Protein backbone atom coordinates (compact mmCIF):
# COMPACT_ATOMS: atom_id res chain seq x y z
CA MET A 1 121.42 129.15 126.51
CA ARG A 2 123.10 131.26 123.31
CA ARG A 3 126.57 129.95 123.95
CA THR A 4 124.59 126.37 124.34
CA GLY A 5 122.38 127.09 121.03
CA VAL A 6 125.65 128.46 119.29
CA ALA A 7 128.05 125.24 120.23
CA ARG A 8 125.05 122.97 118.57
CA VAL A 9 125.23 124.33 115.14
CA PRO A 10 128.69 122.73 114.49
CA LEU A 11 127.29 119.50 115.76
CA SER A 12 124.22 119.73 114.22
CA LEU A 13 125.84 120.40 110.70
CA TYR A 14 128.38 117.49 111.29
CA ASN A 15 125.31 115.02 111.71
CA LEU A 16 123.78 116.49 108.84
CA LEU A 17 126.53 116.02 106.61
CA PHE A 18 127.43 112.56 108.22
CA PHE A 19 123.62 111.60 107.67
CA THR A 20 123.71 112.94 103.91
CA PHE A 21 127.21 111.18 103.15
CA LEU A 22 125.41 107.78 104.24
CA VAL A 23 122.43 108.10 102.76
CA ALA A 24 123.23 109.98 99.69
CA PRO A 25 124.61 106.90 97.77
CA ILE A 26 121.27 104.68 98.65
CA VAL A 27 119.37 107.61 97.29
CA VAL A 28 121.48 107.22 93.94
CA VAL A 29 121.22 103.85 93.65
CA VAL A 30 117.49 103.74 93.81
CA ALA A 31 117.00 106.56 91.51
CA ALA A 32 118.93 104.95 88.95
CA SER A 33 116.93 101.71 89.11
CA PHE A 34 114.53 103.65 87.36
CA THR A 35 116.34 105.69 84.74
CA ALA A 36 114.96 104.79 81.25
CA GLY A 37 118.64 105.27 80.15
CA ASN A 38 120.88 102.33 78.97
CA ALA A 39 123.82 103.25 82.01
CA ILE A 40 124.13 104.86 85.13
CA THR A 41 124.39 108.31 84.37
CA VAL A 42 123.87 111.74 85.95
CA PRO A 43 121.34 113.05 85.35
CA TYR A 44 118.76 110.49 84.55
CA HIS A 45 117.00 110.07 81.32
CA GLY A 46 113.38 109.72 81.98
CA VAL A 47 111.64 107.17 84.36
CA SER A 48 111.12 103.85 83.52
CA LEU A 49 110.67 100.06 84.95
CA ARG A 50 112.48 98.23 82.38
CA TRP A 51 115.19 97.34 84.36
CA TYR A 52 113.02 95.96 86.89
CA ARG A 53 111.76 93.75 84.12
CA ARG A 54 115.02 92.67 83.19
CA LEU A 55 115.63 91.13 86.69
CA ILE A 56 112.56 88.82 85.81
CA GLU A 57 113.87 88.30 82.62
CA TYR A 58 117.35 87.71 83.47
CA ARG A 59 116.95 84.02 85.09
CA PRO A 60 120.27 84.11 87.40
CA PHE A 61 119.02 87.08 89.27
CA ILE A 62 115.87 85.45 90.25
CA ASP A 63 117.76 82.11 91.37
CA SER A 64 120.32 83.50 92.91
CA LEU A 65 118.08 85.58 95.18
CA MET A 66 115.91 82.80 96.12
CA THR A 67 118.72 80.83 97.28
CA SER A 68 120.46 83.47 99.20
CA VAL A 69 117.16 83.94 100.95
CA TYR A 70 116.50 80.28 101.26
CA LEU A 71 120.45 79.84 102.41
CA ALA A 72 120.06 83.11 104.86
CA LEU A 73 117.26 81.90 106.61
CA SER A 74 118.81 78.16 107.08
CA SER A 75 121.90 79.61 108.44
CA ALA A 76 120.26 81.31 110.78
CA PHE A 77 117.96 78.63 112.16
CA VAL A 78 120.93 76.21 112.48
CA ALA A 79 123.24 79.22 114.14
CA ILE A 80 120.39 79.68 116.83
CA LEU A 81 120.15 75.72 117.26
CA LEU A 82 124.26 76.18 118.18
CA ALA A 83 124.36 79.27 119.55
CA VAL A 84 122.11 79.42 122.39
CA PRO A 85 122.79 76.62 124.23
CA ALA A 86 126.40 77.44 124.07
CA ALA A 87 125.38 80.93 125.14
CA ILE A 88 123.18 79.79 128.36
CA ALA A 89 126.04 76.84 128.97
CA LEU A 90 128.84 80.00 129.03
CA GLY A 91 126.54 82.94 129.85
CA ARG A 92 127.05 82.36 133.62
CA SER A 93 130.20 80.90 133.89
CA ARG A 94 133.46 82.99 135.39
CA SER A 95 136.04 80.21 134.42
CA ALA A 96 138.67 80.80 132.04
CA PHE A 97 137.78 77.90 130.04
CA ALA A 98 134.66 79.25 129.38
CA ALA A 99 136.03 82.77 128.36
CA ALA A 100 138.18 80.90 126.14
CA LEU A 101 135.24 79.01 124.54
CA THR A 102 133.40 82.16 124.09
CA THR A 103 135.94 84.14 122.77
CA PHE A 104 136.67 80.91 120.13
CA LEU A 105 132.84 81.24 119.01
CA LEU A 106 132.75 85.03 118.57
CA ALA A 107 136.26 84.88 116.40
CA PRO A 108 134.79 84.53 112.84
CA VAL A 109 133.53 88.12 113.78
CA ALA A 110 137.41 89.08 113.81
CA ILE A 111 138.65 86.95 110.87
CA PRO A 112 138.54 88.22 107.31
CA ALA A 113 135.66 86.61 105.54
CA LEU A 114 138.34 86.11 102.77
CA VAL A 115 140.44 84.20 105.06
CA ILE A 116 137.33 81.83 106.37
CA GLY A 117 136.09 81.28 103.20
CA PHE A 118 139.61 79.91 101.72
CA SER A 119 140.32 77.99 104.77
CA LEU A 120 137.02 76.09 104.87
CA LEU A 121 137.11 75.40 101.26
CA TYR A 122 140.25 73.20 102.06
CA PHE A 123 138.78 71.66 104.94
CA LEU A 124 135.67 71.08 103.45
CA SER A 125 137.15 69.53 100.49
CA SER A 126 139.26 67.68 102.76
CA LEU A 127 135.90 65.91 104.38
CA GLY A 128 134.90 65.38 100.79
CA ILE A 129 131.92 68.08 100.92
CA GLY A 130 132.82 70.21 97.63
CA VAL A 131 131.30 73.33 96.51
CA SER A 132 127.35 72.52 96.98
CA PHE A 133 124.75 73.88 99.08
CA ALA A 134 125.90 71.93 102.06
CA ALA A 135 129.03 73.78 101.86
CA LEU A 136 127.61 77.23 101.51
CA LEU A 137 125.48 76.42 104.50
CA ILE A 138 128.17 74.96 106.51
CA ALA A 139 130.21 78.25 105.56
CA HIS A 140 126.99 80.74 106.17
CA THR A 141 126.56 78.99 109.51
CA VAL A 142 130.17 79.80 110.50
CA ILE A 143 129.64 83.61 109.99
CA SER A 144 126.38 83.40 111.48
CA VAL A 145 126.69 82.02 114.91
CA PRO A 146 129.31 85.04 116.58
CA TYR A 147 126.07 87.14 115.90
CA VAL A 148 123.42 85.01 117.40
CA MET A 149 125.72 84.28 120.46
CA ARG A 150 126.53 87.72 121.34
CA THR A 151 123.10 89.21 121.26
CA VAL A 152 121.72 85.89 123.54
CA LEU A 153 124.82 86.15 125.50
CA ALA A 154 124.23 89.87 126.22
CA VAL A 155 120.69 89.29 127.10
CA TYR A 156 121.00 86.38 129.14
CA ARG A 157 123.83 88.01 131.27
CA ASN A 158 121.21 90.70 132.07
CA VAL A 159 118.46 88.58 132.96
CA GLY A 160 118.55 87.67 136.95
CA ILE A 161 119.10 83.94 137.97
CA ASN A 162 116.26 84.30 140.60
CA PHE A 163 113.76 83.45 137.52
CA GLU A 164 115.32 80.23 137.03
CA GLU A 165 115.66 79.17 140.69
CA ALA A 166 112.09 80.34 141.47
CA ALA A 167 111.03 77.82 138.41
CA ALA A 168 113.49 75.62 139.79
CA VAL A 169 111.85 75.75 143.46
CA LEU A 170 108.46 75.12 142.44
CA GLY A 171 109.22 71.80 140.91
CA ALA A 172 110.25 72.67 137.20
CA ASN A 173 113.03 70.27 135.56
CA ARG A 174 115.79 71.70 133.52
CA TRP A 175 114.17 71.26 129.74
CA GLN A 176 111.06 73.43 131.45
CA ARG A 177 112.56 76.35 133.18
CA PHE A 178 114.38 76.53 129.58
CA TYR A 179 111.34 76.35 127.55
CA PHE A 180 108.89 78.47 130.00
CA VAL A 181 111.15 80.88 131.63
CA THR A 182 114.66 81.28 130.33
CA LEU A 183 113.64 81.15 125.93
CA PRO A 184 110.50 83.93 126.34
CA LEU A 185 112.95 86.16 128.52
CA ILE A 186 116.12 85.63 125.95
CA SER A 187 114.07 85.72 122.74
CA PRO A 188 114.77 89.06 122.09
CA GLY A 189 118.24 88.18 121.69
CA VAL A 190 117.74 85.51 119.81
CA PHE A 191 115.64 86.99 117.07
CA ALA A 192 118.06 90.20 116.99
CA GLY A 193 120.72 87.41 116.38
CA ALA A 194 118.69 85.43 113.52
CA LEU A 195 117.98 89.17 112.37
CA PHE A 196 121.93 89.94 112.08
CA ALA A 197 122.77 86.47 110.83
CA VAL A 198 120.22 86.82 107.91
CA LEU A 199 121.20 90.46 106.56
CA ILE A 200 125.12 89.12 106.80
CA SER A 201 124.37 86.25 104.63
CA LEU A 202 122.37 87.87 102.07
CA ASP A 203 125.26 90.20 101.86
CA ASN A 204 127.84 88.12 102.15
CA LEU A 205 130.49 88.04 98.84
CA PRO A 206 133.83 86.58 100.33
CA VAL A 207 132.77 83.72 101.75
CA SER A 208 129.80 82.68 99.30
CA TYR A 209 132.60 82.88 96.04
CA PHE A 210 134.52 80.19 97.28
CA PHE A 211 131.46 77.49 97.56
CA GLY A 212 128.82 78.49 94.71
CA THR A 213 128.35 76.57 91.56
CA ALA A 214 127.10 76.80 88.11
CA ASN A 215 123.35 75.95 89.11
CA VAL A 216 123.49 77.04 93.25
CA THR A 217 124.98 80.29 93.84
CA THR A 218 124.44 83.36 96.10
CA LEU A 219 122.91 86.37 94.58
CA PRO A 220 125.86 89.07 95.23
CA VAL A 221 128.06 86.08 93.47
CA VAL A 222 125.78 86.94 90.28
CA MET A 223 125.85 90.56 90.86
CA LEU A 224 129.86 90.81 90.84
CA SER A 225 129.76 88.35 87.58
CA TYR A 226 127.40 90.46 85.80
CA LEU A 227 129.42 93.64 86.37
CA GLN A 228 132.23 92.03 85.22
CA ASN A 229 130.47 91.42 81.64
CA GLN A 230 128.42 94.75 81.83
CA LEU A 231 127.50 97.87 84.00
CA ASP A 232 123.61 98.98 83.60
CA PRO A 233 120.86 99.90 85.99
CA ALA A 234 119.83 96.32 86.46
CA ILE A 235 122.77 96.36 89.34
CA ALA A 236 120.79 98.83 90.59
CA ALA A 237 117.53 97.57 90.29
CA ILE A 238 118.55 94.31 92.25
CA SER A 239 120.37 96.28 94.89
CA THR A 240 117.18 98.09 95.36
CA VAL A 241 115.49 94.66 95.86
CA GLN A 242 118.07 93.68 98.39
CA MET A 243 117.63 96.99 100.37
CA LEU A 244 114.03 96.53 100.48
CA ILE A 245 114.09 92.98 101.36
CA ALA A 246 116.65 94.38 104.28
CA ILE A 247 114.03 97.36 105.07
CA GLY A 248 111.03 94.76 105.53
CA LEU A 249 112.97 92.83 107.76
CA LEU A 250 113.98 95.49 110.07
CA LEU A 251 110.56 96.61 110.17
CA VAL A 252 109.13 93.19 111.15
CA VAL A 253 111.86 93.35 114.21
CA GLU A 254 110.17 96.90 115.14
CA ARG A 255 106.75 95.29 114.87
CA THR A 256 107.37 92.72 117.02
CA TYR A 257 109.75 93.69 119.84
CA GLY A 258 110.76 97.05 118.87
CA LEU A 259 114.26 98.63 118.52
CA ARG A 260 114.72 99.60 121.75
CA ALA A 261 113.80 96.34 123.74
CA LEU A 262 116.70 94.69 121.04
CA ASN A 263 119.54 97.57 122.40
CA ALA A 264 118.04 97.01 125.88
């Protein structure tokens, strides 16, 4: 037992250092958002909410934040409409075509976001869809579909086919089997995929950078533009707001399904 306890010390130390490495930058950013100084410096000079008031005064932050939230929710909804039927159709198929199509739908995860953005810019321009909210929605849906697809596939493949067969024996048609049997069983996967899609959309810069306009743009693009002109703690304040939104979404998931259910 002593040897086991001694052997755990390096592992515990490693976990502590790794956790500190992940959390320390977040703590620094949050602390910097409350500084009274005019720059992000250590040590901080007093405590103030002036940089949160700056967020309200600087309209591009608020406007782009609302655009990002609306875009994230819209792209996640469209991704659900596309990915859920595809996952159900391909989930239990063993054909080579189904495997190839599944790989194709999951491909945007492996392709660099800059390549996706650049390619979609030329493709949508050739279709007559210039830089606009519609182009942003299409681009974010493309990068959201794989996350919904992956989680729904994982859950659906672990659901026994006997539930659907029992419903069919009892006289349920295809729509009734989907609505009353399949959808409730895969709902944790749908919810988890939608959550990932929203978070990826809110944080996306490479794809959004190609399609934003002067009136319609996302928060990461506005933050990058702001950093190019000035570096003050307002960036830390808006970053803190972004983190609070992400944490709020995770809390909603935990209260609704529980993170263990989603991992299962």
